[in-house]
Amino acid sequence: MMAAQKRTLRVTLVRSTIGRLARHKACVAGLGLRKIGQTVEIIDTPENRGMIQKVSYLLKLEEG
């Protein structure tokens, strides 16, 4: 039996975290983002979706 294909999300940091709430900075770090323009692929889980939703104004999201 084949393993279930995990859905991934491509998340890019497009705005700076300078001057943002500490919780929002923690969400960005939790997603694995450090620099503006950096893109990471993460697994589509409710936890990751929650962090993305919290800091959506800083990110660009591509599903796929």
PDB file of N, CA and C in Angstrom:
ATOM      1  N   MET A   1       0.835  -1.176   0.000  1.00  0.00           N
ATOM      2  CA  MET A   1       0.000   0.000   0.000  1.00  0.00           C
ATOM      3  C   MET A   1       0.885   1.246   0.000  1.00  0.00           C
ATOM      4  N   MET A   2       0.523   2.233  -0.814  1.00  0.00           N
ATOM      5  CA  MET A   2       1.331   3.446  -0.910  1.00  0.00           C
ATOM      6  C   MET A   2       1.064   4.368   0.276  1.00  0.00           C
ATOM      7  N   ALA A   3       2.098   5.083   0.665  1.00  0.00           N
ATOM      8  CA  ALA A   3       1.948   6.049   1.745  1.00  0.00           C
ATOM      9  C   ALA A   3       1.093   7.218   1.253  1.00  0.00           C
ATOM     10  N   ALA A   4       0.300   7.787   2.129  1.00  0.00           N
ATOM     11  CA  ALA A   4      -0.556   8.911   1.764  1.00  0.00           C
ATOM     12  C   ALA A   4       0.304  10.106   1.361  1.00  0.00           C
ATOM     13  N   GLN A   5      -0.054  10.736   0.259  1.00  0.00           N
ATOM     14  CA  GLN A   5       0.688  11.911  -0.206  1.00  0.00           C
ATOM     15  C   GLN A   5       0.363  13.091   0.710  1.00  0.00           C
ATOM     16  N   LYS A   6       1.387  13.661   1.305  1.00  0.00           N
ATOM     17  CA  LYS A   6       1.188  14.805   2.190  1.00  0.00           C
ATOM     18  C   LYS A   6       1.099  16.069   1.342  1.00  0.00           C
ATOM     19  N   ARG A   7       0.070  16.877   1.594  1.00  0.00           N
ATOM     20  CA  ARG A   7      -0.065  18.148   0.891  1.00  0.00           C
ATOM     21  C   ARG A   7       0.956  19.134   1.469  1.00  0.00           C
ATOM     22  N   THR A   8       1.550  19.918   0.603  1.00  0.00           N
ATOM     23  CA  THR A   8       2.519  20.904   1.066  1.00  0.00           C
ATOM     24  C   THR A   8       2.069  22.308   0.683  1.00  0.00           C
ATOM     25  N   LEU A   9       2.586  23.262   1.409  1.00  0.00           N
ATOM     26  CA  LEU A   9       2.327  24.677   1.159  1.00  0.00           C
ATOM     27  C   LEU A   9       3.660  25.376   0.970  1.00  0.00           C
ATOM     28  N   ARG A  10       3.722  26.270  -0.010  1.00  0.00           N
ATOM     29  CA  ARG A  10       4.913  27.105  -0.198  1.00  0.00           C
ATOM     30  C   ARG A  10       4.608  28.464   0.401  1.00  0.00           C
ATOM     31  N   VAL A  11       5.400  28.841   1.401  1.00  0.00           N
ATOM     32  CA  VAL A  11       5.178  30.090   2.121  1.00  0.00           C
ATOM     33  C   VAL A  11       6.398  30.984   1.931  1.00  0.00           C
ATOM     34  N   THR A  12       6.147  32.241   1.551  1.00  0.00           N
ATOM     35  CA  THR A  12       7.222  33.205   1.338  1.00  0.00           C
ATOM     36  C   THR A  12       7.007  34.395   2.259  1.00  0.00           C
ATOM     37  N   LEU A  13       8.077  34.812   2.938  1.00  0.00           N
ATOM     38  CA  LEU A  13       8.012  36.007   3.786  1.00  0.00           C
ATOM     39  C   LEU A  13       8.192  37.228   2.889  1.00  0.00           C
ATOM     40  N   VAL A  14       7.184  38.110   2.846  1.00  0.00           N
ATOM     41  CA  VAL A  14       7.248  39.270   1.955  1.00  0.00           C
ATOM     42  C   VAL A  14       7.327  40.596   2.700  1.00  0.00           C
ATOM     43  N   ARG A  15       7.088  40.585   4.018  1.00  0.00           N
ATOM     44  CA  ARG A  15       7.203  41.810   4.802  1.00  0.00           C
ATOM     45  C   ARG A  15       8.042  41.528   6.042  1.00  0.00           C
ATOM     46  N   SER A  16       8.644  42.582   6.577  1.00  0.00           N
ATOM     47  CA  SER A  16       9.549  42.462   7.715  1.00  0.00           C
ATOM     48  C   SER A  16       8.800  42.173   9.011  1.00  0.00           C
ATOM     49  N   THR A  17       9.491  41.496   9.925  1.00  0.00           N
ATOM     50  CA  THR A  17       8.935  41.240  11.252  1.00  0.00           C
ATOM     51  C   THR A  17       9.357  42.308  12.261  1.00  0.00           C
ATOM     52  N   ILE A  18      10.129  43.296  11.832  1.00  0.00           N
ATOM     53  CA  ILE A  18      10.581  44.349  12.735  1.00  0.00           C
ATOM     54  C   ILE A  18       9.366  45.131  13.248  1.00  0.00           C
ATOM     55  N   GLY A  19       9.295  45.290  14.557  1.00  0.00           N
ATOM     56  CA  GLY A  19       8.220  46.057  15.166  1.00  0.00           C
ATOM     57  C   GLY A  19       6.912  45.290  15.293  1.00  0.00           C
ATOM     58  N   ARG A  20       6.908  44.010  14.995  1.00  0.00           N
ATOM     59  CA  ARG A  20       5.682  43.203  15.105  1.00  0.00           C
ATOM     60  C   ARG A  20       5.564  42.612  16.511  1.00  0.00           C
ATOM     61  N   LEU A  21       4.389  42.097  16.804  1.00  0.00           N
ATOM     62  CA  LEU A  21       4.176  41.458  18.101  1.00  0.00           C
ATOM     63  C   LEU A  21       5.085  40.243  18.244  1.00  0.00           C
ATOM     64  N   ALA A  22       5.513  39.982  19.464  1.00  0.00           N
ATOM     65  CA  ALA A  22       6.402  38.849  19.721  1.00  0.00           C
ATOM     66  C   ALA A  22       5.755  37.537  19.283  1.00  0.00           C
ATOM     67  N   ARG A  23       4.445  37.409  19.478  1.00  0.00           N
ATOM     68  CA  ARG A  23       3.742  36.181  19.071  1.00  0.00           C
ATOM     69  C   ARG A  23       3.780  36.009  17.555  1.00  0.00           C
ATOM     70  N   HIS A  24       3.688  37.113  16.827  1.00  0.00           N
ATOM     71  CA  HIS A  24       3.731  37.037  15.366  1.00  0.00           C
ATOM     72  C   HIS A  24       5.134  36.676  14.888  1.00  0.00           C
ATOM     73  N   LYS A  25       6.146  37.243  15.547  1.00  0.00           N
ATOM     74  CA  LYS A  25       7.524  36.870  15.212  1.00  0.00           C
ATOM     75  C   LYS A  25       7.748  35.383  15.454  1.00  0.00           C
ATOM     76  N   ALA A  26       7.173  34.868  16.548  1.00  0.00           N
ATOM     77  CA  ALA A  26       7.323  33.455  16.885  1.00  0.00           C
ATOM     78  C   ALA A  26       6.641  32.577  15.832  1.00  0.00           C
ATOM     79  N   CYS A  27       5.510  33.010  15.312  1.00  0.00           N
ATOM     80  CA  CYS A  27       4.822  32.249  14.254  1.00  0.00           C
ATOM     81  C   CYS A  27       5.671  32.189  13.001  1.00  0.00           C
ATOM     82  N   VAL A  28       6.266  33.307  12.617  1.00  0.00           N
ATOM     83  CA  VAL A  28       7.122  33.347  11.431  1.00  0.00           C
ATOM     84  C   VAL A  28       8.314  32.414  11.627  1.00  0.00           C
ATOM     85  N   ALA A  29       8.936  32.466  12.802  1.00  0.00           N
ATOM     86  CA  ALA A  29      10.073  31.586  13.092  1.00  0.00           C
ATOM     87  C   ALA A  29       9.629  30.128  13.110  1.00  0.00           C
ATOM     88  N   GLY A  30       8.447  29.868  13.645  1.00  0.00           N
ATOM     89  CA  GLY A  30       7.925  28.508  13.693  1.00  0.00           C
ATOM     90  C   GLY A  30       7.681  27.914  12.321  1.00  0.00           C
ATOM     91  N   LEU A  31       7.418  28.776  11.357  1.00  0.00           N
ATOM     92  CA  LEU A  31       7.243  28.319   9.975  1.00  0.00           C
ATOM     93  C   LEU A  31       8.581  28.107   9.272  1.00  0.00           C
ATOM     94  N   GLY A  32       9.667  28.489   9.937  1.00  0.00           N
ATOM     95  CA  GLY A  32      11.000  28.281   9.370  1.00  0.00           C
ATOM     96  C   GLY A  32      11.488  29.419   8.502  1.00  0.00           C
ATOM     97  N   LEU A  33      10.883  30.586   8.651  1.00  0.00           N
ATOM     98  CA  LEU A  33      11.260  31.747   7.835  1.00  0.00           C
ATOM     99  C   LEU A  33      12.169  32.680   8.622  1.00  0.00           C
ATOM    100  N   ARG A  34      13.210  33.167   7.955  1.00  0.00           N
ATOM    101  CA  ARG A  34      14.153  34.075   8.610  1.00  0.00           C
ATOM    102  C   ARG A  34      14.306  35.393   7.872  1.00  0.00           C
ATOM    103  N   LYS A  35      14.398  35.350   6.539  1.00  0.00           N
ATOM    104  CA  LYS A  35      14.686  36.550   5.755  1.00  0.00           C
ATOM    105  C   LYS A  35      13.540  36.876   4.811  1.00  0.00           C
ATOM    106  N   ILE A  36      13.395  38.157   4.498  1.00  0.00           N
ATOM    107  CA  ILE A  36      12.405  38.570   3.511  1.00  0.00           C
ATOM    108  C   ILE A  36      12.764  37.931   2.171  1.00  0.00           C
ATOM    109  N   GLY A  37      11.771  37.382   1.507  1.00  0.00           N
ATOM    110  CA  GLY A  37      11.995  36.729   0.217  1.00  0.00           C
ATOM    111  C   GLY A  37      12.282  35.247   0.327  1.00  0.00           C
ATOM    112  N   GLN A  38      12.505  34.748   1.533  1.00  0.00           N
ATOM    113  CA  GLN A  38      12.776  33.318   1.733  1.00  0.00           C
ATOM    114  C   GLN A  38      11.486  32.530   1.576  1.00  0.00           C
ATOM    115  N   THR A  39      11.572  31.399   0.868  1.00  0.00           N
ATOM    116  CA  THR A  39      10.426  30.516   0.674  1.00  0.00           C
ATOM    117  C   THR A  39      10.724  29.166   1.290  1.00  0.00           C
ATOM    118  N   VAL A  40       9.735  28.611   1.996  1.00  0.00           N
ATOM    119  CA  VAL A  40       9.863  27.275   2.568  1.00  0.00           C
ATOM    120  C   VAL A  40       8.644  26.457   2.180  1.00  0.00           C
ATOM    121  N   GLU A  41       8.837  25.145   2.097  1.00  0.00           N
ATOM    122  CA  GLU A  41       7.726  24.233   1.872  1.00  0.00           C
ATOM    123  C   GLU A  41       7.416  23.550   3.191  1.00  0.00           C
ATOM    124  N   ILE A  42       6.170  23.652   3.616  1.00  0.00           N
ATOM    125  CA  ILE A  42       5.765  23.037   4.874  1.00  0.00           C
ATOM    126  C   ILE A  42       4.580  22.119   4.625  1.00  0.00           C
ATOM    127  N   ILE A  43       4.384  21.170   5.538  1.00  0.00           N
ATOM    128  CA  ILE A  43       3.266  20.238   5.430  1.00  0.00           C
ATOM    129  C   ILE A  43       1.986  20.959   5.845  1.00  0.00           C
ATOM    130  N   ASP A  44       0.919  20.707   5.112  1.00  0.00           N
ATOM    131  CA  ASP A  44      -0.371  21.333   5.372  1.00  0.00           C
ATOM    132  C   ASP A  44      -1.053  20.653   6.559  1.00  0.00           C
ATOM    133  N   THR A  45      -0.873  21.240   7.744  1.00  0.00           N
ATOM    134  CA  THR A  45      -1.505  20.727   8.963  1.00  0.00           C
ATOM    135  C   THR A  45      -2.326  21.854   9.589  1.00  0.00           C
ATOM    136  N   PRO A  46      -3.271  21.530  10.453  1.00  0.00           N
ATOM    137  CA  PRO A  46      -4.043  22.588  11.122  1.00  0.00           C
ATOM    138  C   PRO A  46      -3.159  23.545  11.925  1.00  0.00           C
ATOM    139  N   GLU A  47      -2.087  23.012  12.509  1.00  0.00           N
ATOM    140  CA  GLU A  47      -1.181  23.862  13.297  1.00  0.00           C
ATOM    141  C   GLU A  47      -0.481  24.883  12.405  1.00  0.00           C
ATOM    142  N   ASN A  48       0.042  24.417  11.267  1.00  0.00           N
ATOM    143  CA  ASN A  48       0.715  25.319  10.344  1.00  0.00           C
ATOM    144  C   ASN A  48      -0.263  26.313   9.734  1.00  0.00           C
ATOM    145  N   ARG A  49      -1.469  25.860   9.422  1.00  0.00           N
ATOM    146  CA  ARG A  49      -2.495  26.761   8.878  1.00  0.00           C
ATOM    147  C   ARG A  49      -2.819  27.873   9.876  1.00  0.00           C
ATOM    148  N   GLY A  50      -2.858  27.527  11.162  1.00  0.00           N
ATOM    149  CA  GLY A  50      -3.134  28.522  12.187  1.00  0.00           C
ATOM    150  C   GLY A  50      -2.054  29.588  12.260  1.00  0.00           C
ATOM    151  N   MET A  51      -0.795  29.167  12.177  1.00  0.00           N
ATOM    152  CA  MET A  51       0.305  30.138  12.198  1.00  0.00           C
ATOM    153  C   MET A  51       0.265  31.021  10.961  1.00  0.00           C
ATOM    154  N   ILE A  52      -0.020  30.417   9.807  1.00  0.00           N
ATOM    155  CA  ILE A  52      -0.111  31.182   8.556  1.00  0.00           C
ATOM    156  C   ILE A  52      -1.237  32.205   8.645  1.00  0.00           C
ATOM    157  N   GLN A  53      -2.373  31.794   9.174  1.00  0.00           N
ATOM    158  CA  GLN A  53      -3.514  32.696   9.295  1.00  0.00           C
ATOM    159  C   GLN A  53      -3.189  33.870  10.211  1.00  0.00           C
ATOM    160  N   LYS A  54      -2.440  33.600  11.284  1.00  0.00           N
ATOM    161  CA  LYS A  54      -2.116  34.639  12.257  1.00  0.00           C
ATOM    162  C   LYS A  54      -1.228  35.736  11.648  1.00  0.00           C
ATOM    163  N   VAL A  55      -0.314  35.354  10.763  1.00  0.00           N
ATOM    164  CA  VAL A  55       0.628  36.325  10.182  1.00  0.00           C
ATOM    165  C   VAL A  55       0.448  36.432   8.667  1.00  0.00           C
ATOM    166  N   SER A  56      -0.774  36.236   8.187  1.00  0.00           N
ATOM    167  CA  SER A  56      -1.028  36.233   6.744  1.00  0.00           C
ATOM    168  C   SER A  56      -0.650  37.563   6.086  1.00  0.00           C
ATOM    169  N   TYR A  57      -0.670  38.654   6.853  1.00  0.00           N
ATOM    170  CA  TYR A  57      -0.328  39.964   6.308  1.00  0.00           C
ATOM    171  C   TYR A  57       1.171  40.105   6.024  1.00  0.00           C
ATOM    172  N   LEU A  58       1.984  39.142   6.478  1.00  0.00           N
ATOM    173  CA  LEU A  58       3.424  39.163   6.235  1.00  0.00           C
ATOM    174  C   LEU A  58       3.840  38.177   5.156  1.00  0.00           C
ATOM    175  N   LEU A  59       2.930  37.313   4.723  1.00  0.00           N
ATOM    176  CA  LEU A  59       3.288  36.160   3.899  1.00  0.00           C
ATOM    177  C   LEU A  59       2.620  36.156   2.535  1.00  0.00           C
ATOM    178  N   LYS A  60       3.206  35.375   1.633  1.00  0.00           N
ATOM    179  CA  LYS A  60       2.559  34.994   0.384  1.00  0.00           C
ATOM    180  C   LYS A  60       2.442  33.478   0.430  1.00  0.00           C
ATOM    181  N   LEU A  61       1.250  32.954   0.147  1.00  0.00           N
ATOM    182  CA  LEU A  61       0.984  31.531   0.266  1.00  0.00           C
ATOM    183  C   LEU A  61       0.646  30.933  -1.091  1.00  0.00           C
ATOM    184  N   GLU A  62       1.295  29.809  -1.421  1.00  0.00           N
ATOM    185  CA  GLU A  62       0.984  29.066  -2.637  1.00  0.00           C
ATOM    186  C   GLU A  62       0.657  27.647  -2.224  1.00  0.00           C
ATOM    187  N   GLU A  63      -0.504  27.158  -2.658  1.00  0.00           N
ATOM    188  CA  GLU A  63      -0.891  25.783  -2.329  1.00  0.00           C
ATOM    189  C   GLU A  63      -0.458  24.876  -3.456  1.00  0.00           C
ATOM    190  N   GLY A  64      -0.124  23.642  -3.104  1.00  0.00           N
ATOM    191  CA  GLY A  64       0.260  22.715  -4.154  1.00  0.00           C
ATOM    192  C   GLY A  64       1.091  21.677  -3.622  1.00  0.00           C
TER     193      GLY A  64
END
